[in-house]
Amino acid sequence: MNVVEVISSTLKEGRRLVKFLRFGKSDVKENYEASPFGLDSNPVKKTVALYTTTSSNGQSAIIGYVQTGRKAAAGEFRTYATDADGAEVFYTWIKNDGTYEIGGDADNAVRYSKLEDAFNELKADFNALVNDYNLHDHLVPQAPSGTTTSAVTVSQGSPSAADITPAKVDEVKIL
């Protein structure tokens, strides 16, 4: 087994082919990458990889990467993406306290169904108030005798047409 440095990687017939330096500038190799089922990631240039031969004649593979800057504590699972220079640009993190961070921890997700219930109750209360306002008698002050009066226009309230349905993300589900 050798520790090698990634030069580049490409996809060939749905498999990742990794080009790497093994024992110096003239020892450039290219092999398929082996990875856990269901994970698809692409190493950036200069990532340190583990290269090994197999028991099949002429078969070898990149079997993993030496990670630096790990952050997950015991029992946690973290995924992340980087730019081409290896700088982290986004992450997901299932933490051992039962929380799940998606890109950060600055805000909270919402339970849409509960939010929609509360919003619809508030909207119904507002519309009932508008209706009551529109139905009550609007008292208009009388002009003193001997003066001319101008017409007084009483405006009607408008019910709310607010809708939070476009805020719903059907592709993400929570508790």
N, C-alpha and C. Protein backbone atom coordinates (compact mmCIF):
# COMPACT_ATOMS: atom_id res chain seq x y z
N MET A 1 0.85 -1.17 0.00
CA MET A 1 0.00 0.00 0.00
C MET A 1 0.90 1.23 0.00
N ASN A 2 0.46 2.28 -0.73
CA ASN A 2 1.22 3.52 -0.81
C ASN A 2 0.35 4.71 -0.48
N VAL A 3 0.96 5.73 0.12
CA VAL A 3 0.32 7.02 0.30
C VAL A 3 0.73 7.84 -0.92
N VAL A 4 -0.28 8.38 -1.64
CA VAL A 4 -0.02 9.08 -2.90
C VAL A 4 -0.70 10.45 -2.90
N GLU A 5 -0.35 11.30 -3.87
CA GLU A 5 -0.94 12.63 -3.99
C GLU A 5 -1.78 12.71 -5.25
N VAL A 6 -3.04 13.13 -5.12
CA VAL A 6 -3.95 13.24 -6.25
C VAL A 6 -3.54 14.40 -7.15
N ILE A 7 -3.51 14.13 -8.46
CA ILE A 7 -3.26 15.18 -9.45
C ILE A 7 -4.58 15.66 -10.03
N SER A 8 -5.44 14.71 -10.39
CA SER A 8 -6.75 15.05 -10.95
C SER A 8 -7.63 13.81 -10.93
N SER A 9 -8.89 13.99 -11.30
CA SER A 9 -9.79 12.85 -11.41
C SER A 9 -10.81 13.12 -12.49
N THR A 10 -11.29 12.04 -13.11
CA THR A 10 -12.30 12.14 -14.16
C THR A 10 -13.29 11.00 -13.99
N LEU A 11 -14.42 11.13 -14.67
CA LEU A 11 -15.39 10.05 -14.70
C LEU A 11 -15.25 9.29 -16.01
N LYS A 12 -15.25 7.98 -15.92
CA LYS A 12 -15.17 7.14 -17.11
C LYS A 12 -16.17 6.01 -16.93
N GLU A 13 -17.19 6.00 -17.76
CA GLU A 13 -18.22 4.98 -17.71
C GLU A 13 -18.85 4.86 -16.31
N GLY A 14 -19.09 6.00 -15.68
CA GLY A 14 -19.73 6.02 -14.38
C GLY A 14 -18.83 5.69 -13.20
N ARG A 15 -17.54 5.53 -13.45
CA ARG A 15 -16.59 5.26 -12.36
C ARG A 15 -15.58 6.39 -12.31
N ARG A 16 -15.07 6.66 -11.10
CA ARG A 16 -14.09 7.73 -10.93
C ARG A 16 -12.69 7.19 -11.15
N LEU A 17 -11.97 7.83 -12.06
CA LEU A 17 -10.59 7.48 -12.37
C LEU A 17 -9.71 8.58 -11.79
N VAL A 18 -8.80 8.20 -10.89
CA VAL A 18 -7.96 9.17 -10.18
C VAL A 18 -6.53 9.08 -10.69
N LYS A 19 -5.99 10.23 -11.09
CA LYS A 19 -4.59 10.32 -11.51
C LYS A 19 -3.78 10.81 -10.32
N PHE A 20 -2.63 10.17 -10.05
CA PHE A 20 -1.87 10.51 -8.85
C PHE A 20 -0.38 10.30 -9.04
N LEU A 21 0.40 10.95 -8.17
CA LEU A 21 1.85 10.76 -8.09
C LEU A 21 2.11 9.71 -7.02
N ARG A 22 2.97 8.74 -7.37
CA ARG A 22 3.27 7.71 -6.38
C ARG A 22 4.65 7.93 -5.78
N PHE A 23 5.72 7.67 -6.52
CA PHE A 23 7.09 7.79 -5.99
C PHE A 23 7.87 8.92 -6.64
N GLY A 24 7.23 9.97 -7.06
CA GLY A 24 7.94 11.10 -7.67
C GLY A 24 7.31 11.52 -8.98
N LYS A 25 7.88 12.58 -9.58
CA LYS A 25 7.30 13.21 -10.78
C LYS A 25 7.12 12.25 -11.94
N SER A 26 7.99 11.29 -12.09
CA SER A 26 7.90 10.38 -13.24
C SER A 26 7.02 9.16 -12.96
N ASP A 27 6.53 9.01 -11.75
CA ASP A 27 5.71 7.85 -11.40
C ASP A 27 4.25 8.27 -11.27
N VAL A 28 3.64 8.62 -12.42
CA VAL A 28 2.24 9.04 -12.46
C VAL A 28 1.40 7.81 -12.79
N LYS A 29 0.40 7.56 -12.00
CA LYS A 29 -0.49 6.42 -12.20
C LYS A 29 -1.92 6.93 -12.30
N GLU A 30 -2.78 6.06 -12.81
CA GLU A 30 -4.20 6.36 -12.89
C GLU A 30 -4.96 5.08 -12.57
N ASN A 31 -5.81 5.14 -11.54
CA ASN A 31 -6.57 3.97 -11.13
C ASN A 31 -7.98 4.37 -10.73
N TYR A 32 -8.86 3.38 -10.74
CA TYR A 32 -10.22 3.60 -10.27
C TYR A 32 -10.24 3.75 -8.77
N GLU A 33 -11.23 4.48 -8.31
CA GLU A 33 -11.41 4.73 -6.89
C GLU A 33 -12.44 3.74 -6.34
N ALA A 34 -12.17 3.19 -5.17
CA ALA A 34 -13.15 2.38 -4.44
C ALA A 34 -13.71 3.25 -3.32
N SER A 35 -15.02 3.20 -3.12
CA SER A 35 -15.61 4.02 -2.06
C SER A 35 -16.83 3.31 -1.49
N PRO A 36 -17.29 3.74 -0.33
CA PRO A 36 -18.48 3.11 0.24
C PRO A 36 -19.69 3.28 -0.69
N PHE A 37 -20.59 2.32 -0.66
CA PHE A 37 -21.80 2.38 -1.47
C PHE A 37 -22.62 3.62 -1.13
N GLY A 38 -23.13 4.28 -2.15
CA GLY A 38 -24.02 5.41 -1.95
C GLY A 38 -23.33 6.75 -1.80
N LEU A 39 -22.01 6.77 -1.75
CA LEU A 39 -21.29 8.04 -1.64
C LEU A 39 -20.62 8.36 -2.97
N ASP A 40 -20.73 9.60 -3.38
CA ASP A 40 -20.11 10.05 -4.63
C ASP A 40 -19.40 11.36 -4.32
N SER A 41 -18.09 11.31 -4.26
CA SER A 41 -17.33 12.53 -3.99
C SER A 41 -16.13 12.54 -4.93
N ASN A 42 -15.61 13.74 -5.15
CA ASN A 42 -14.52 13.91 -6.09
C ASN A 42 -13.37 14.64 -5.39
N PRO A 43 -12.23 13.99 -5.23
CA PRO A 43 -11.12 14.64 -4.51
C PRO A 43 -10.54 15.80 -5.30
N VAL A 44 -10.07 16.82 -4.57
CA VAL A 44 -9.41 17.95 -5.22
C VAL A 44 -7.91 17.66 -5.33
N LYS A 45 -7.28 18.41 -6.19
CA LYS A 45 -5.84 18.28 -6.42
C LYS A 45 -5.08 18.39 -5.09
N LYS A 46 -4.06 17.58 -4.93
CA LYS A 46 -3.17 17.53 -3.78
C LYS A 46 -3.75 16.80 -2.57
N THR A 47 -4.96 16.21 -2.73
CA THR A 47 -5.50 15.37 -1.65
C THR A 47 -4.59 14.16 -1.50
N VAL A 48 -4.34 13.76 -0.28
CA VAL A 48 -3.51 12.58 -0.02
C VAL A 48 -4.42 11.36 -0.03
N ALA A 49 -4.05 10.37 -0.85
CA ALA A 49 -4.87 9.18 -1.02
C ALA A 49 -4.11 7.92 -0.65
N LEU A 50 -4.85 6.82 -0.43
CA LEU A 50 -4.25 5.52 -0.18
C LEU A 50 -4.45 4.65 -1.42
N TYR A 51 -3.35 4.16 -1.95
CA TYR A 51 -3.34 3.35 -3.17
C TYR A 51 -2.86 1.95 -2.82
N THR A 52 -3.52 0.95 -3.37
CA THR A 52 -3.09 -0.42 -3.10
C THR A 52 -3.33 -1.30 -4.31
N THR A 53 -2.58 -2.35 -4.38
CA THR A 53 -2.83 -3.38 -5.38
C THR A 53 -3.83 -4.37 -4.79
N THR A 54 -4.39 -5.20 -5.64
CA THR A 54 -5.35 -6.20 -5.18
C THR A 54 -4.83 -7.58 -5.53
N SER A 55 -5.56 -8.59 -5.13
CA SER A 55 -5.15 -9.96 -5.44
C SER A 55 -5.41 -10.32 -6.90
N SER A 56 -6.19 -9.50 -7.61
CA SER A 56 -6.40 -9.72 -9.04
C SER A 56 -5.21 -9.16 -9.79
N ASN A 57 -4.65 -9.94 -10.68
CA ASN A 57 -3.46 -9.55 -11.43
C ASN A 57 -3.67 -8.23 -12.17
N GLY A 58 -2.81 -7.28 -11.89
CA GLY A 58 -2.86 -5.99 -12.57
C GLY A 58 -3.94 -5.05 -12.07
N GLN A 59 -4.68 -5.42 -11.07
CA GLN A 59 -5.74 -4.57 -10.55
C GLN A 59 -5.26 -3.82 -9.31
N SER A 60 -5.53 -2.53 -9.27
CA SER A 60 -5.20 -1.71 -8.12
C SER A 60 -6.27 -0.66 -7.97
N ALA A 61 -6.28 0.04 -6.84
CA ALA A 61 -7.34 1.02 -6.60
C ALA A 61 -6.92 2.05 -5.57
N ILE A 62 -7.55 3.21 -5.64
CA ILE A 62 -7.49 4.21 -4.58
C ILE A 62 -8.57 3.78 -3.58
N ILE A 63 -8.20 3.50 -2.33
CA ILE A 63 -9.17 2.97 -1.37
C ILE A 63 -9.59 3.96 -0.30
N GLY A 64 -9.04 5.14 -0.31
CA GLY A 64 -9.44 6.13 0.69
C GLY A 64 -8.58 7.37 0.61
N TYR A 65 -8.89 8.31 1.47
CA TYR A 65 -8.17 9.59 1.50
C TYR A 65 -7.81 9.92 2.93
N VAL A 66 -6.65 10.52 3.11
CA VAL A 66 -6.21 10.97 4.42
C VAL A 66 -6.83 12.35 4.64
N GLN A 67 -7.74 12.43 5.59
CA GLN A 67 -8.46 13.68 5.83
C GLN A 67 -7.74 14.53 6.86
N THR A 68 -7.81 15.83 6.69
CA THR A 68 -7.29 16.77 7.68
C THR A 68 -8.43 17.69 8.09
N GLY A 69 -8.30 18.29 9.23
CA GLY A 69 -9.31 19.25 9.68
C GLY A 69 -10.63 18.61 10.05
N ARG A 70 -10.60 17.42 10.57
CA ARG A 70 -11.83 16.73 10.97
C ARG A 70 -12.51 17.49 12.11
N LYS A 71 -13.85 17.46 12.11
CA LYS A 71 -14.61 18.20 13.12
C LYS A 71 -15.63 17.33 13.86
N ALA A 72 -16.05 16.21 13.28
CA ALA A 72 -17.10 15.38 13.88
C ALA A 72 -16.59 14.72 15.17
N ALA A 73 -17.40 14.78 16.21
CA ALA A 73 -17.08 14.14 17.49
C ALA A 73 -17.56 12.68 17.44
N ALA A 74 -17.29 11.95 18.48
CA ALA A 74 -17.70 10.55 18.56
C ALA A 74 -19.20 10.41 18.31
N GLY A 75 -19.56 9.50 17.43
CA GLY A 75 -20.96 9.24 17.13
C GLY A 75 -21.57 10.18 16.11
N GLU A 76 -20.83 11.12 15.58
CA GLU A 76 -21.38 12.09 14.63
C GLU A 76 -21.03 11.70 13.19
N PHE A 77 -21.81 12.26 12.25
CA PHE A 77 -21.57 12.03 10.83
C PHE A 77 -21.62 13.36 10.12
N ARG A 78 -20.59 13.66 9.35
CA ARG A 78 -20.47 14.96 8.70
C ARG A 78 -20.08 14.77 7.24
N THR A 79 -20.72 15.51 6.36
CA THR A 79 -20.32 15.55 4.95
C THR A 79 -20.03 17.00 4.60
N TYR A 80 -19.20 17.20 3.60
CA TYR A 80 -18.90 18.58 3.21
C TYR A 80 -18.43 18.62 1.76
N ALA A 81 -18.53 19.82 1.20
CA ALA A 81 -18.04 20.07 -0.15
C ALA A 81 -17.00 21.18 -0.08
N THR A 82 -16.05 21.13 -1.00
CA THR A 82 -15.00 22.16 -1.06
C THR A 82 -14.96 22.76 -2.46
N ASP A 83 -14.27 23.89 -2.56
CA ASP A 83 -14.00 24.42 -3.89
C ASP A 83 -12.77 23.69 -4.45
N ALA A 84 -12.33 24.05 -5.63
CA ALA A 84 -11.22 23.36 -6.28
C ALA A 84 -9.91 23.47 -5.49
N ASP A 85 -9.81 24.47 -4.59
CA ASP A 85 -8.61 24.63 -3.77
C ASP A 85 -8.70 23.90 -2.43
N GLY A 86 -9.82 23.24 -2.17
CA GLY A 86 -9.97 22.49 -0.93
C GLY A 86 -10.60 23.26 0.21
N ALA A 87 -11.02 24.51 -0.03
CA ALA A 87 -11.68 25.31 1.02
C ALA A 87 -13.14 24.87 1.14
N GLU A 88 -13.58 24.57 2.36
CA GLU A 88 -14.95 24.11 2.58
C GLU A 88 -15.95 25.19 2.18
N VAL A 89 -16.98 24.78 1.43
CA VAL A 89 -18.01 25.73 1.00
C VAL A 89 -19.40 25.39 1.53
N PHE A 90 -19.62 24.14 1.97
CA PHE A 90 -20.92 23.74 2.51
C PHE A 90 -20.77 22.43 3.25
N TYR A 91 -21.65 22.20 4.26
CA TYR A 91 -21.59 20.94 5.00
C TYR A 91 -22.97 20.54 5.51
N THR A 92 -23.09 19.27 5.83
CA THR A 92 -24.21 18.76 6.61
C THR A 92 -23.60 18.01 7.78
N TRP A 93 -24.24 18.08 8.95
CA TRP A 93 -23.62 17.51 10.15
C TRP A 93 -24.70 16.96 11.07
N ILE A 94 -24.72 15.64 11.22
CA ILE A 94 -25.62 14.99 12.18
C ILE A 94 -24.83 14.90 13.47
N LYS A 95 -25.29 15.61 14.49
CA LYS A 95 -24.52 15.74 15.72
C LYS A 95 -25.01 14.76 16.79
N ASN A 96 -24.13 14.47 17.73
CA ASN A 96 -24.45 13.49 18.77
C ASN A 96 -25.40 14.03 19.84
N ASP A 97 -25.86 15.27 19.68
CA ASP A 97 -26.87 15.80 20.59
C ASP A 97 -28.27 15.74 19.96
N GLY A 98 -28.36 15.08 18.79
CA GLY A 98 -29.65 14.91 18.12
C GLY A 98 -30.00 16.02 17.15
N THR A 99 -29.11 16.98 16.91
CA THR A 99 -29.38 18.05 15.97
C THR A 99 -28.74 17.74 14.62
N TYR A 100 -29.22 18.41 13.60
CA TYR A 100 -28.73 18.22 12.24
C TYR A 100 -28.51 19.60 11.63
N GLU A 101 -27.28 19.94 11.34
CA GLU A 101 -26.96 21.23 10.75
C GLU A 101 -26.86 21.06 9.24
N ILE A 102 -27.47 21.98 8.53
CA ILE A 102 -27.39 21.99 7.07
C ILE A 102 -26.79 23.33 6.67
N GLY A 103 -25.49 23.36 6.49
CA GLY A 103 -24.81 24.56 6.07
C GLY A 103 -24.49 25.55 7.17
N GLY A 104 -24.94 25.31 8.39
CA GLY A 104 -24.67 26.24 9.48
C GLY A 104 -25.65 26.06 10.62
N ASP A 105 -25.51 26.93 11.63
CA ASP A 105 -26.38 26.84 12.80
C ASP A 105 -26.96 28.21 13.18
N ALA A 106 -27.06 29.12 12.21
CA ALA A 106 -27.51 30.48 12.49
C ALA A 106 -29.02 30.62 12.61
N ASP A 107 -29.79 29.66 12.10
CA ASP A 107 -31.24 29.79 12.12
C ASP A 107 -31.85 28.41 12.31
N ASN A 108 -33.16 28.36 12.38
CA ASN A 108 -33.86 27.11 12.60
C ASN A 108 -34.76 26.78 11.42
N ALA A 109 -34.93 25.50 11.16
CA ALA A 109 -35.96 25.06 10.22
C ALA A 109 -37.30 25.18 10.93
N VAL A 110 -38.39 25.13 10.18
CA VAL A 110 -39.71 25.22 10.79
C VAL A 110 -40.52 23.98 10.43
N ARG A 111 -41.49 23.68 11.27
CA ARG A 111 -42.47 22.64 10.96
C ARG A 111 -43.57 23.35 10.18
N TYR A 112 -43.57 23.19 8.88
CA TYR A 112 -44.46 23.93 8.00
C TYR A 112 -45.92 23.75 8.39
N SER A 113 -46.34 22.54 8.70
CA SER A 113 -47.74 22.28 9.02
C SER A 113 -48.19 23.10 10.22
N LYS A 114 -47.36 23.15 11.27
CA LYS A 114 -47.70 23.93 12.47
C LYS A 114 -47.70 25.43 12.15
N LEU A 115 -46.73 25.88 11.37
CA LEU A 115 -46.67 27.29 10.97
C LEU A 115 -47.89 27.66 10.14
N GLU A 116 -48.28 26.78 9.22
CA GLU A 116 -49.44 27.05 8.38
C GLU A 116 -50.71 27.13 9.22
N ASP A 117 -50.87 26.22 10.20
CA ASP A 117 -52.04 26.27 11.08
C ASP A 117 -52.12 27.61 11.80
N ALA A 118 -51.02 28.06 12.40
CA ALA A 118 -51.00 29.32 13.13
C ALA A 118 -51.24 30.50 12.19
N PHE A 119 -50.64 30.46 11.01
CA PHE A 119 -50.83 31.54 10.03
C PHE A 119 -52.29 31.63 9.60
N ASN A 120 -52.90 30.48 9.31
CA ASN A 120 -54.29 30.48 8.86
C ASN A 120 -55.24 30.97 9.96
N GLU A 121 -54.94 30.65 11.24
CA GLU A 121 -55.74 31.15 12.35
C GLU A 121 -55.62 32.68 12.45
N LEU A 122 -54.40 33.18 12.34
CA LEU A 122 -54.18 34.63 12.38
C LEU A 122 -54.89 35.32 11.21
N LYS A 123 -54.80 34.74 10.03
CA LYS A 123 -55.45 35.30 8.84
C LYS A 123 -56.97 35.32 9.02
N ALA A 124 -57.55 34.24 9.55
CA ALA A 124 -58.99 34.18 9.79
C ALA A 124 -59.41 35.23 10.81
N ASP A 125 -58.65 35.39 11.89
CA ASP A 125 -58.95 36.41 12.90
C ASP A 125 -58.90 37.81 12.29
N PHE A 126 -57.90 38.07 11.47
CA PHE A 126 -57.78 39.37 10.82
C PHE A 126 -58.96 39.61 9.89
N ASN A 127 -59.31 38.60 9.09
CA ASN A 127 -60.42 38.78 8.15
C ASN A 127 -61.75 38.98 8.87
N ALA A 128 -61.93 38.32 10.03
CA ALA A 128 -63.14 38.53 10.83
C ALA A 128 -63.19 39.97 11.34
N LEU A 129 -62.05 40.51 11.76
CA LEU A 129 -61.98 41.89 12.22
C LEU A 129 -62.30 42.86 11.08
N VAL A 130 -61.78 42.60 9.89
CA VAL A 130 -62.06 43.44 8.72
C VAL A 130 -63.56 43.39 8.42
N ASN A 131 -64.14 42.21 8.48
CA ASN A 131 -65.56 42.05 8.21
C ASN A 131 -66.40 42.84 9.23
N ASP A 132 -66.05 42.71 10.52
CA ASP A 132 -66.77 43.47 11.55
C ASP A 132 -66.65 44.97 11.32
N TYR A 133 -65.49 45.43 10.95
CA TYR A 133 -65.27 46.85 10.67
C TYR A 133 -66.15 47.31 9.51
N ASN A 134 -66.20 46.50 8.47
CA ASN A 134 -66.98 46.88 7.28
C ASN A 134 -68.49 46.89 7.56
N LEU A 135 -68.95 46.09 8.52
CA LEU A 135 -70.38 45.99 8.80
C LEU A 135 -70.88 47.02 9.82
N HIS A 136 -70.00 47.60 10.60
CA HIS A 136 -70.48 48.51 11.63
C HIS A 136 -70.84 49.87 11.04
N ASP A 137 -71.65 50.63 11.78
CA ASP A 137 -72.06 51.97 11.33
C ASP A 137 -70.89 52.93 11.51
N HIS A 138 -70.63 53.66 10.45
CA HIS A 138 -69.57 54.67 10.49
C HIS A 138 -70.24 56.01 10.82
N LEU A 139 -70.00 56.53 11.99
CA LEU A 139 -70.59 57.80 12.39
C LEU A 139 -69.83 58.94 11.74
N VAL A 140 -70.59 59.84 11.11
CA VAL A 140 -70.00 60.98 10.43
C VAL A 140 -70.39 62.23 11.22
N PRO A 141 -69.41 63.02 11.64
CA PRO A 141 -69.76 64.22 12.41
C PRO A 141 -70.61 65.19 11.58
N GLN A 142 -71.57 65.82 12.23
CA GLN A 142 -72.44 66.78 11.56
C GLN A 142 -71.77 68.15 11.53
N ALA A 143 -71.95 68.85 10.42
CA ALA A 143 -71.40 70.20 10.30
C ALA A 143 -72.29 71.16 11.10
N PRO A 144 -71.71 72.21 11.68
CA PRO A 144 -72.52 73.19 12.41
C PRO A 144 -73.55 73.82 11.46
N SER A 145 -74.68 74.23 11.99
CA SER A 145 -75.74 74.80 11.14
C SER A 145 -75.22 76.05 10.44
N GLY A 146 -75.68 76.22 9.21
CA GLY A 146 -75.30 77.39 8.42
C GLY A 146 -74.01 77.20 7.65
N THR A 147 -73.34 76.03 7.72
CA THR A 147 -72.12 75.81 6.94
C THR A 147 -72.39 74.72 5.92
N THR A 148 -71.60 74.73 4.90
CA THR A 148 -71.76 73.68 3.88
C THR A 148 -70.93 72.47 4.29
N THR A 149 -71.39 71.35 3.89
CA THR A 149 -70.67 70.11 4.21
C THR A 149 -70.19 69.46 2.93
N SER A 150 -69.13 68.75 3.03
CA SER A 150 -68.65 67.99 1.87
C SER A 150 -68.92 66.52 2.15
N ALA A 151 -68.96 65.75 1.09
CA ALA A 151 -69.24 64.31 1.23
C ALA A 151 -68.09 63.63 1.96
N VAL A 152 -68.43 62.73 2.82
CA VAL A 152 -67.44 61.98 3.56
C VAL A 152 -67.41 60.56 2.99
N THR A 153 -66.21 60.13 2.59
CA THR A 153 -66.07 58.78 2.06
C THR A 153 -65.51 57.89 3.16
N VAL A 154 -66.19 56.80 3.42
CA VAL A 154 -65.74 55.85 4.43
C VAL A 154 -65.14 54.67 3.68
N SER A 155 -63.87 54.40 3.94
CA SER A 155 -63.22 53.30 3.23
C SER A 155 -63.55 51.97 3.89
N GLN A 156 -63.60 50.97 3.08
CA GLN A 156 -63.86 49.62 3.56
C GLN A 156 -62.52 48.91 3.75
N GLY A 157 -62.45 48.02 4.73
CA GLY A 157 -61.26 47.20 4.93
C GLY A 157 -61.22 46.07 3.91
N SER A 158 -60.05 45.60 3.62
CA SER A 158 -59.88 44.49 2.67
C SER A 158 -59.39 43.25 3.40
N PRO A 159 -60.01 42.11 3.12
CA PRO A 159 -59.53 40.88 3.75
C PRO A 159 -58.14 40.51 3.24
N SER A 160 -57.42 39.76 4.02
CA SER A 160 -56.07 39.33 3.65
C SER A 160 -56.12 38.22 2.61
N ALA A 161 -55.26 38.31 1.63
CA ALA A 161 -55.10 37.24 0.63
C ALA A 161 -53.73 36.60 0.78
N ALA A 162 -53.09 36.83 1.93
CA ALA A 162 -51.74 36.29 2.15
C ALA A 162 -51.75 34.77 2.06
N ASP A 163 -50.64 34.22 1.56
CA ASP A 163 -50.53 32.77 1.37
C ASP A 163 -49.08 32.37 1.60
N ILE A 164 -48.85 31.44 2.52
CA ILE A 164 -47.48 31.00 2.78
C ILE A 164 -47.15 29.70 2.03
N THR A 165 -48.08 29.17 1.26
CA THR A 165 -47.85 27.91 0.55
C THR A 165 -46.57 27.93 -0.29
N PRO A 166 -46.22 29.01 -0.98
CA PRO A 166 -44.98 28.99 -1.77
C PRO A 166 -43.71 28.79 -0.94
N ALA A 167 -43.79 28.99 0.38
CA ALA A 167 -42.62 28.81 1.25
C ALA A 167 -42.36 27.34 1.57
N LYS A 168 -43.30 26.48 1.25
CA LYS A 168 -43.18 25.06 1.59
C LYS A 168 -42.15 24.38 0.68
N VAL A 169 -41.26 23.61 1.28
CA VAL A 169 -40.26 22.84 0.52
C VAL A 169 -40.65 21.37 0.65
N ASP A 170 -41.27 20.81 -0.37
CA ASP A 170 -41.74 19.42 -0.31
C ASP A 170 -40.61 18.40 -0.32
N GLU A 171 -39.44 18.80 -0.80
CA GLU A 171 -38.34 17.85 -0.93
C GLU A 171 -37.60 17.61 0.38
N VAL A 172 -37.82 18.43 1.41
CA VAL A 172 -37.14 18.26 2.69
C VAL A 172 -38.20 17.99 3.75
N LYS A 173 -38.07 16.89 4.45
CA LYS A 173 -39.01 16.51 5.50
C LYS A 173 -38.31 16.51 6.84
N ILE A 174 -39.04 16.88 7.91
CA ILE A 174 -38.48 16.86 9.26
C ILE A 174 -39.46 16.18 10.20
N LEU A 175 -39.11 16.08 11.48
CA LEU A 175 -39.98 15.46 12.47
C LEU A 175 -41.34 16.07 12.48
